[in-house]
PDB file of N, CA and C in Angstrom:
ATOM      1  N   MET A   1      70.426  13.416  14.993  1.00  0.00           N
ATOM      2  CA  MET A   1      69.179  14.127  14.993  1.00  0.00           C
ATOM      3  C   MET A   1      69.358  15.637  15.342  1.00  0.00           C
ATOM      4  N   ALA A   2      70.067  15.828  16.372  1.00  0.00           N
ATOM      5  CA  ALA A   2      70.260  17.211  16.872  1.00  0.00           C
ATOM      6  C   ALA A   2      71.053  18.019  15.885  1.00  0.00           C
ATOM      7  N   GLN A   3      71.806  17.419  15.026  1.00  0.00           N
ATOM      8  CA  GLN A   3      72.565  18.115  14.023  1.00  0.00           C
ATOM      9  C   GLN A   3      71.847  18.373  12.722  1.00  0.00           C
ATOM     10  N   GLY A   4      70.565  17.962  12.645  1.00  0.00           N
ATOM     11  CA  GLY A   4      69.773  18.134  11.543  1.00  0.00           C
ATOM     12  C   GLY A   4      69.921  17.123  10.384  1.00  0.00           C
ATOM     13  N   LEU A   5      70.563  16.016  10.646  1.00  0.00           N
ATOM     14  CA  LEU A   5      70.806  14.973   9.611  1.00  0.00           C
ATOM     15  C   LEU A   5      69.487  14.260   9.349  1.00  0.00           C
ATOM     16  N   THR A   6      69.296  13.765   8.173  1.00  0.00           N
ATOM     17  CA  THR A   6      68.166  12.988   7.790  1.00  0.00           C
ATOM     18  C   THR A   6      68.361  11.584   8.373  1.00  0.00           C
ATOM     19  N   GLY A   7      67.327  10.816   8.374  1.00  0.00           N
ATOM     20  CA  GLY A   7      67.418   9.376   8.856  1.00  0.00           C
ATOM     21  C   GLY A   7      68.380   8.573   7.975  1.00  0.00           C
ATOM     22  N   THR A   8      68.373   8.887   6.667  1.00  0.00           N
ATOM     23  CA  THR A   8      69.254   8.208   5.709  1.00  0.00           C
ATOM     24  C   THR A   8      70.713   8.561   6.017  1.00  0.00           C
ATOM     25  N   ALA A   9      70.981   9.827   6.215  1.00  0.00           N
ATOM     26  CA  ALA A   9      72.323  10.298   6.567  1.00  0.00           C
ATOM     27  C   ALA A   9      72.817   9.688   7.904  1.00  0.00           C
ATOM     28  N   ILE A  10      71.946   9.675   8.893  1.00  0.00           N
ATOM     29  CA  ILE A  10      72.327   9.018  10.189  1.00  0.00           C
ATOM     30  C   ILE A  10      72.627   7.556   9.974  1.00  0.00           C
ATOM     31  N   GLY A  11      71.818   6.884   9.173  1.00  0.00           N
ATOM     32  CA  GLY A  11      71.996   5.432   8.902  1.00  0.00           C
ATOM     33  C   GLY A  11      73.394   5.204   8.243  1.00  0.00           C
ATOM     34  N   ARG A  12      73.729   6.084   7.299  1.00  0.00           N
ATOM     35  CA  ARG A  12      74.965   5.936   6.595  1.00  0.00           C
ATOM     36  C   ARG A  12      76.114   6.099   7.563  1.00  0.00           C
ATOM     37  N   ARG A  13      76.031   7.064   8.470  1.00  0.00           N
ATOM     38  CA  ARG A  13      77.114   7.345   9.438  1.00  0.00           C
ATOM     39  C   ARG A  13      77.281   6.163  10.379  1.00  0.00           C
ATOM     40  N   LEU A  14      76.148   5.569  10.778  1.00  0.00           N
ATOM     41  CA  LEU A  14      76.217   4.468  11.756  1.00  0.00           C
ATOM     42  C   LEU A  14      76.301   3.104  11.150  1.00  0.00           C
ATOM     43  N   GLY A  15      76.175   3.038   9.814  1.00  0.00           N
ATOM     44  CA  GLY A  15      76.181   1.738   9.180  1.00  0.00           C
ATOM     45  C   GLY A  15      74.965   0.886   9.351  1.00  0.00           C
ATOM     46  N   ILE A  16      73.818   1.576   9.528  1.00  0.00           N
ATOM     47  CA  ILE A  16      72.536   0.866   9.697  1.00  0.00           C
ATOM     48  C   ILE A  16      71.518   1.409   8.645  1.00  0.00           C
ATOM     49  N   SER A  17      70.419   0.667   8.487  1.00  0.00           N
ATOM     50  CA  SER A  17      69.459   1.118   7.527  1.00  0.00           C
ATOM     51  C   SER A  17      68.623   2.259   8.026  1.00  0.00           C
ATOM     52  N   PRO A  18      68.054   3.095   7.061  1.00  0.00           N
ATOM     53  CA  PRO A  18      67.145   4.157   7.491  1.00  0.00           C
ATOM     54  C   PRO A  18      65.943   3.627   8.340  1.00  0.00           C
ATOM     55  N   ARG A  19      65.485   2.445   8.030  1.00  0.00           N
ATOM     56  CA  ARG A  19      64.364   1.880   8.815  1.00  0.00           C
ATOM     57  C   ARG A  19      64.815   1.605  10.275  1.00  0.00           C
ATOM     58  N   THR A  20      65.978   1.171  10.461  1.00  0.00           N
ATOM     59  CA  THR A  20      66.522   0.981  11.845  1.00  0.00           C
ATOM     60  C   THR A  20      66.628   2.316  12.533  1.00  0.00           C
ATOM     61  N   VAL A  21      67.092   3.372  11.820  1.00  0.00           N
ATOM     62  CA  VAL A  21      67.171   4.668  12.441  1.00  0.00           C
ATOM     63  C   VAL A  21      65.771   5.093  12.905  1.00  0.00           C
ATOM     64  N   THR A  22      64.748   4.896  12.032  1.00  0.00           N
ATOM     65  CA  THR A  22      63.318   5.283  12.348  1.00  0.00           C
ATOM     66  C   THR A  22      62.914   4.554  13.615  1.00  0.00           C
ATOM     67  N   LYS A  23      63.183   3.219  13.673  1.00  0.00           N
ATOM     68  CA  LYS A  23      62.812   2.452  14.839  1.00  0.00           C
ATOM     69  C   LYS A  23      63.486   3.040  16.166  1.00  0.00           C
ATOM     70  N   HIS A  24      64.720   3.309  16.099  1.00  0.00           N
ATOM     71  CA  HIS A  24      65.409   3.920  17.249  1.00  0.00           C
ATOM     72  C   HIS A  24      64.806   5.252  17.603  1.00  0.00           C
ATOM     73  N   GLN A  25      64.506   6.057  16.598  1.00  0.00           N
ATOM     74  CA  GLN A  25      63.863   7.347  16.845  1.00  0.00           C
ATOM     75  C   GLN A  25      62.510   7.228  17.538  1.00  0.00           C
ATOM     76  N   GLU A  26      61.755   6.241  17.095  1.00  0.00           N
ATOM     77  CA  GLU A  26      60.467   5.985  17.700  1.00  0.00           C
ATOM     78  C   GLU A  26      60.612   5.643  19.197  1.00  0.00           C
ATOM     79  N   LYS A  27      61.591   4.830  19.466  1.00  0.00           N
ATOM     80  CA  LYS A  27      61.879   4.409  20.935  1.00  0.00           C
ATOM     81  C   LYS A  27      62.279   5.706  21.720  1.00  0.00           C
ATOM     82  N   LEU A  28      63.150   6.513  21.144  1.00  0.00           N
ATOM     83  CA  LEU A  28      63.558   7.783  21.823  1.00  0.00           C
ATOM     84  C   LEU A  28      62.350   8.632  22.093  1.00  0.00           C
ATOM     85  N   TYR A  29      61.453   8.788  21.066  1.00  0.00           N
ATOM     86  CA  TYR A  29      60.291   9.642  21.246  1.00  0.00           C
ATOM     87  C   TYR A  29      59.451   9.111  22.423  1.00  0.00           C
ATOM     88  N   ARG A  30      59.289   7.860  22.521  1.00  0.00           N
ATOM     89  CA  ARG A  30      58.465   7.212  23.657  1.00  0.00           C
ATOM     90  C   ARG A  30      59.113   7.529  24.946  1.00  0.00           C
ATOM     91  N   LYS A  31      60.405   7.365  25.035  1.00  0.00           N
ATOM     92  CA  LYS A  31      61.122   7.548  26.343  1.00  0.00           C
ATOM     93  C   LYS A  31      61.169   9.006  26.692  1.00  0.00           C
ATOM     94  N   LEU A  32      61.242   9.920  25.759  1.00  0.00           N
ATOM     95  CA  LEU A  32      61.233  11.336  25.985  1.00  0.00           C
ATOM     96  C   LEU A  32      59.831  11.931  26.101  1.00  0.00           C
ATOM     97  N   GLN A  33      58.834  11.055  25.728  1.00  0.00           N
ATOM     98  CA  GLN A  33      57.467  11.493  25.761  1.00  0.00           C
ATOM     99  C   GLN A  33      57.174  12.621  24.759  1.00  0.00           C
ATOM    100  N   VAL A  34      57.641  12.535  23.562  1.00  0.00           N
ATOM    101  CA  VAL A  34      57.449  13.492  22.523  1.00  0.00           C
ATOM    102  C   VAL A  34      56.956  12.799  21.265  1.00  0.00           C
ATOM    103  N   SER A  35      56.598  13.615  20.230  1.00  0.00           N
ATOM    104  CA  SER A  35      56.093  13.083  19.050  1.00  0.00           C
ATOM    105  C   SER A  35      56.839  13.514  17.794  1.00  0.00           C
ATOM    106  N   ASP A  36      57.870  14.376  17.992  1.00  0.00           N
ATOM    107  CA  ASP A  36      58.657  14.821  16.787  1.00  0.00           C
ATOM    108  C   ASP A  36      60.076  15.106  17.146  1.00  0.00           C
ATOM    109  N   ARG A  37      60.875  15.257  16.152  1.00  0.00           N
ATOM    110  CA  ARG A  37      62.273  15.475  16.204  1.00  0.00           C
ATOM    111  C   ARG A  37      62.699  16.714  17.030  1.00  0.00           C
ATOM    112  N   VAL A  38      62.077  17.810  16.635  1.00  0.00           N
ATOM    113  CA  VAL A  38      62.468  19.059  17.298  1.00  0.00           C
ATOM    114  C   VAL A  38      62.224  19.040  18.806  1.00  0.00           C
ATOM    115  N   THR A  39      60.992  18.553  19.162  1.00  0.00           N
ATOM    116  CA  THR A  39      60.679  18.425  20.589  1.00  0.00           C
ATOM    117  C   THR A  39      61.533  17.427  21.238  1.00  0.00           C
ATOM    118  N   ALA A  40      61.966  16.395  20.593  1.00  0.00           N
ATOM    119  CA  ALA A  40      62.872  15.413  21.181  1.00  0.00           C
ATOM    120  C   ALA A  40      64.225  16.049  21.518  1.00  0.00           C
ATOM    121  N   VAL A  41      64.724  16.852  20.574  1.00  0.00           N
ATOM    122  CA  VAL A  41      66.011  17.489  20.842  1.00  0.00           C
ATOM    123  C   VAL A  41      65.907  18.472  21.973  1.00  0.00           C
ATOM    124  N   LEU A  42      64.883  19.257  21.984  1.00  0.00           N
ATOM    125  CA  LEU A  42      64.618  20.216  23.043  1.00  0.00           C
ATOM    126  C   LEU A  42      64.481  19.601  24.415  1.00  0.00           C
ATOM    127  N   ARG A  43      63.719  18.525  24.478  1.00  0.00           N
ATOM    128  CA  ARG A  43      63.477  17.785  25.679  1.00  0.00           C
ATOM    129  C   ARG A  43      64.771  17.176  26.193  1.00  0.00           C
ATOM    130  N   ALA A  44      65.580  16.595  25.245  1.00  0.00           N
ATOM    131  CA  ALA A  44      66.818  15.964  25.689  1.00  0.00           C
ATOM    132  C   ALA A  44      67.766  17.010  26.249  1.00  0.00           C
ATOM    133  N   GLN A  45      67.753  18.228  25.617  1.00  0.00           N
ATOM    134  CA  GLN A  45      68.634  19.314  26.132  1.00  0.00           C
ATOM    135  C   GLN A  45      68.110  19.789  27.468  1.00  0.00           C
ATOM    136  N   SER A  46      66.808  19.889  27.619  1.00  0.00           N
ATOM    137  CA  SER A  46      66.295  20.384  28.961  1.00  0.00           C
ATOM    138  C   SER A  46      66.548  19.390  30.100  1.00  0.00           C
ATOM    139  N   TRP A  47      66.589  18.112  29.760  1.00  0.00           N
ATOM    140  CA  TRP A  47      66.902  17.116  30.705  1.00  0.00           C
ATOM    141  C   TRP A  47      68.435  16.868  30.906  1.00  0.00           C
ATOM    142  N   GLY A  48      69.230  17.612  30.178  1.00  0.00           N
ATOM    143  CA  GLY A  48      70.690  17.508  30.335  1.00  0.00           C
ATOM    144  C   GLY A  48      71.230  16.330  29.596  1.00  0.00           C
ATOM    145  N   LEU A  49      70.539  15.731  28.615  1.00  0.00           N
ATOM    146  CA  LEU A  49      71.015  14.539  27.904  1.00  0.00           C
ATOM    147  C   LEU A  49      71.833  15.027  26.673  1.00  0.00           C
ATOM    148  N   LEU A  50      71.643  16.209  26.212  1.00  0.00           N
ATOM    149  CA  LEU A  50      72.387  16.713  25.035  1.00  0.00           C
ATOM    150  C   LEU A  50      72.912  18.114  25.425  1.00  0.00           C
ATOM    151  N   PRO A  51      74.081  18.426  24.803  1.00  0.00           N
ATOM    152  CA  PRO A  51      74.627  19.749  25.104  1.00  0.00           C
ATOM    153  C   PRO A  51      73.711  20.844  24.603  1.00  0.00           C
ATOM    154  N   VAL A  52      73.848  22.053  25.124  1.00  0.00           N
ATOM    155  CA  VAL A  52      73.045  23.179  24.649  1.00  0.00           C
ATOM    156  C   VAL A  52      73.476  23.547  23.258  1.00  0.00           C
ATOM    157  N   ASN A  53      72.560  24.237  22.515  1.00  0.00           N
ATOM    158  CA  ASN A  53      72.797  24.530  21.111  1.00  0.00           C
ATOM    159  C   ASN A  53      74.151  24.976  20.690  1.00  0.00           C
ATOM    160  N   GLU A  54      74.834  25.828  21.388  1.00  0.00           N
ATOM    161  CA  GLU A  54      76.078  26.351  20.920  1.00  0.00           C
ATOM    162  C   GLU A  54      77.137  25.258  20.936  1.00  0.00           C
ATOM    163  N   GLU A  55      76.912  24.152  21.618  1.00  0.00           N
ATOM    164  CA  GLU A  55      77.887  23.047  21.656  1.00  0.00           C
ATOM    165  C   GLU A  55      77.656  22.063  20.490  1.00  0.00           C
ATOM    166  N   LEU A  56      76.509  22.142  19.852  1.00  0.00           N
ATOM    167  CA  LEU A  56      76.164  21.243  18.752  1.00  0.00           C
ATOM    168  C   LEU A  56      76.674  21.825  17.486  1.00  0.00           C
ATOM    169  N   ARG A  57      77.344  21.031  16.625  1.00  0.00           N
ATOM    170  CA  ARG A  57      77.790  21.521  15.359  1.00  0.00           C
ATOM    171  C   ARG A  57      76.988  20.913  14.254  1.00  0.00           C
ATOM    172  N   PRO A  58      76.430  21.704  13.381  1.00  0.00           N
ATOM    173  CA  PRO A  58      75.730  21.107  12.177  1.00  0.00           C
ATOM    174  C   PRO A  58      76.733  20.325  11.383  1.00  0.00           C
ATOM    175  N   ALA A  59      76.367  19.254  10.817  1.00  0.00           N
ATOM    176  CA  ALA A  59      77.241  18.419  10.027  1.00  0.00           C
ATOM    177  C   ALA A  59      76.564  18.062   8.699  1.00  0.00           C
ATOM    178  N   SER A  60      77.320  18.114   7.607  1.00  0.00           N
ATOM    179  CA  SER A  60      76.726  17.588   6.356  1.00  0.00           C
ATOM    180  C   SER A  60      76.847  16.159   6.355  1.00  0.00           C
ATOM    181  N   PRO A  61      75.890  15.460   5.673  1.00  0.00           N
ATOM    182  CA  PRO A  61      75.893  14.008   5.663  1.00  0.00           C
ATOM    183  C   PRO A  61      77.119  13.432   4.993  1.00  0.00           C
ATOM    184  N   GLU A  62      77.799  14.101   4.091  1.00  0.00           N
ATOM    185  CA  GLU A  62      78.976  13.576   3.407  1.00  0.00           C
ATOM    186  C   GLU A  62      80.251  13.886   4.119  1.00  0.00           C
ATOM    187  N   SER A  63      80.192  14.815   5.108  1.00  0.00           N
ATOM    188  CA  SER A  63      81.358  15.275   5.881  1.00  0.00           C
ATOM    189  C   SER A  63      81.946  14.228   6.738  1.00  0.00           C
ATOM    190  N   PRO A  64      83.192  13.792   6.509  1.00  0.00           N
ATOM    191  CA  PRO A  64      83.817  12.826   7.415  1.00  0.00           C
ATOM    192  C   PRO A  64      84.458  13.434   8.577  1.00  0.00           C
ATOM    193  N   ASP A  65      84.002  14.658   8.929  1.00  0.00           N
ATOM    194  CA  ASP A  65      84.548  15.371  10.075  1.00  0.00           C
ATOM    195  C   ASP A  65      84.400  14.522  11.356  1.00  0.00           C
ATOM    196  N   SER A  66      85.509  14.220  12.019  1.00  0.00           N
ATOM    197  CA  SER A  66      85.466  13.382  13.178  1.00  0.00           C
ATOM    198  C   SER A  66      84.782  14.003  14.365  1.00  0.00           C
ATOM    199  N   SER A  67      84.854  15.352  14.441  1.00  0.00           N
ATOM    200  CA  SER A  67      84.223  15.998  15.567  1.00  0.00           C
ATOM    201  C   SER A  67      82.657  15.898  15.464  1.00  0.00           C
ATOM    202  N   ALA A  68      82.164  15.760  14.246  1.00  0.00           N
ATOM    203  CA  ALA A  68      80.711  15.607  14.076  1.00  0.00           C
ATOM    204  C   ALA A  68      80.298  14.203  14.474  1.00  0.00           C
ATOM    205  N   ARG A  69      81.228  13.272  14.484  1.00  0.00           N
ATOM    206  CA  ARG A  69      80.871  11.837  14.761  1.00  0.00           C
ATOM    207  C   ARG A  69      81.088  11.475  16.226  1.00  0.00           C
ATOM    208  N   ARG A  70      81.614  12.383  17.029  1.00  0.00           N
ATOM    209  CA  ARG A  70      81.818  12.057  18.469  1.00  0.00           C
ATOM    210  C   ARG A  70      80.483  11.772  19.146  1.00  0.00           C
ATOM    211  N   PRO A  71      80.425  10.715  19.863  1.00  0.00           N
ATOM    212  CA  PRO A  71      79.168  10.342  20.582  1.00  0.00           C
ATOM    213  C   PRO A  71      78.781  11.384  21.562  1.00  0.00           C
ATOM    214  N   LEU A  72      77.520  11.747  21.640  1.00  0.00           N
ATOM    215  CA  LEU A  72      77.026  12.655  22.594  1.00  0.00           C
ATOM    216  C   LEU A  72      76.728  11.888  23.888  1.00  0.00           C
ATOM    217  N   PRO A  73      76.853  12.509  25.001  1.00  0.00           N
ATOM    218  CA  PRO A  73      76.519  11.797  26.292  1.00  0.00           C
ATOM    219  C   PRO A  73      75.079  11.348  26.276  1.00  0.00           C
ATOM    220  N   VAL A  74      74.868  10.135  26.797  1.00  0.00           N
ATOM    221  CA  VAL A  74      73.498   9.614  26.850  1.00  0.00           C
ATOM    222  C   VAL A  74      73.206   9.081  28.250  1.00  0.00           C
ATOM    223  N   ASP A  75      72.105   9.428  28.754  1.00  0.00           N
ATOM    224  CA  ASP A  75      71.703   8.962  30.072  1.00  0.00           C
ATOM    225  C   ASP A  75      71.503   7.484  30.058  1.00  0.00           C
ATOM    226  N   GLU A  76      71.973   6.786  31.110  1.00  0.00           N
ATOM    227  CA  GLU A  76      71.853   5.292  31.158  1.00  0.00           C
ATOM    228  C   GLU A  76      70.388   4.834  31.044  1.00  0.00           C
ATOM    229  N   ASP A  77      69.408   5.567  31.558  1.00  0.00           N
ATOM    230  CA  ASP A  77      67.998   5.135  31.485  1.00  0.00           C
ATOM    231  C   ASP A  77      67.533   5.047  30.055  1.00  0.00           C
ATOM    232  N   LEU A  78      68.087   5.846  29.121  1.00  0.00           N
ATOM    233  CA  LEU A  78      67.658   5.859  27.751  1.00  0.00           C
ATOM    234  C   LEU A  78      68.232   4.708  26.974  1.00  0.00           C
ATOM    235  N   ARG A  79      69.211   4.035  27.519  1.00  0.00           N
ATOM    236  CA  ARG A  79      69.863   2.886  26.798  1.00  0.00           C
ATOM    237  C   ARG A  79      68.979   1.624  26.916  1.00  0.00           C
ATOM    238  N   ARG A  80      67.977   1.633  27.743  1.00  0.00           N
ATOM    239  CA  ARG A  80      67.181   0.451  27.969  1.00  0.00           C
ATOM    240  C   ARG A  80      66.121   0.355  26.912  1.00  0.00           C
TER     241      ARG A  80
END
């Protein structure tokens, strides 16, 4: 999400359906108390859950770049 990928592209990278991506996004929105993608990324950054902008690299959906696939740190409370 923070890299600007679509739900379909995220699903392809993770091997899950776009609908599953949407469901996970909805859960994140609830936990972050937001209603859209941009606010979710900004809130996650402000809470220290995502690196600041200069550390995020935009990735194309077809790019097999391994650095774009590295998992970002996630707070344990968000895994519930």
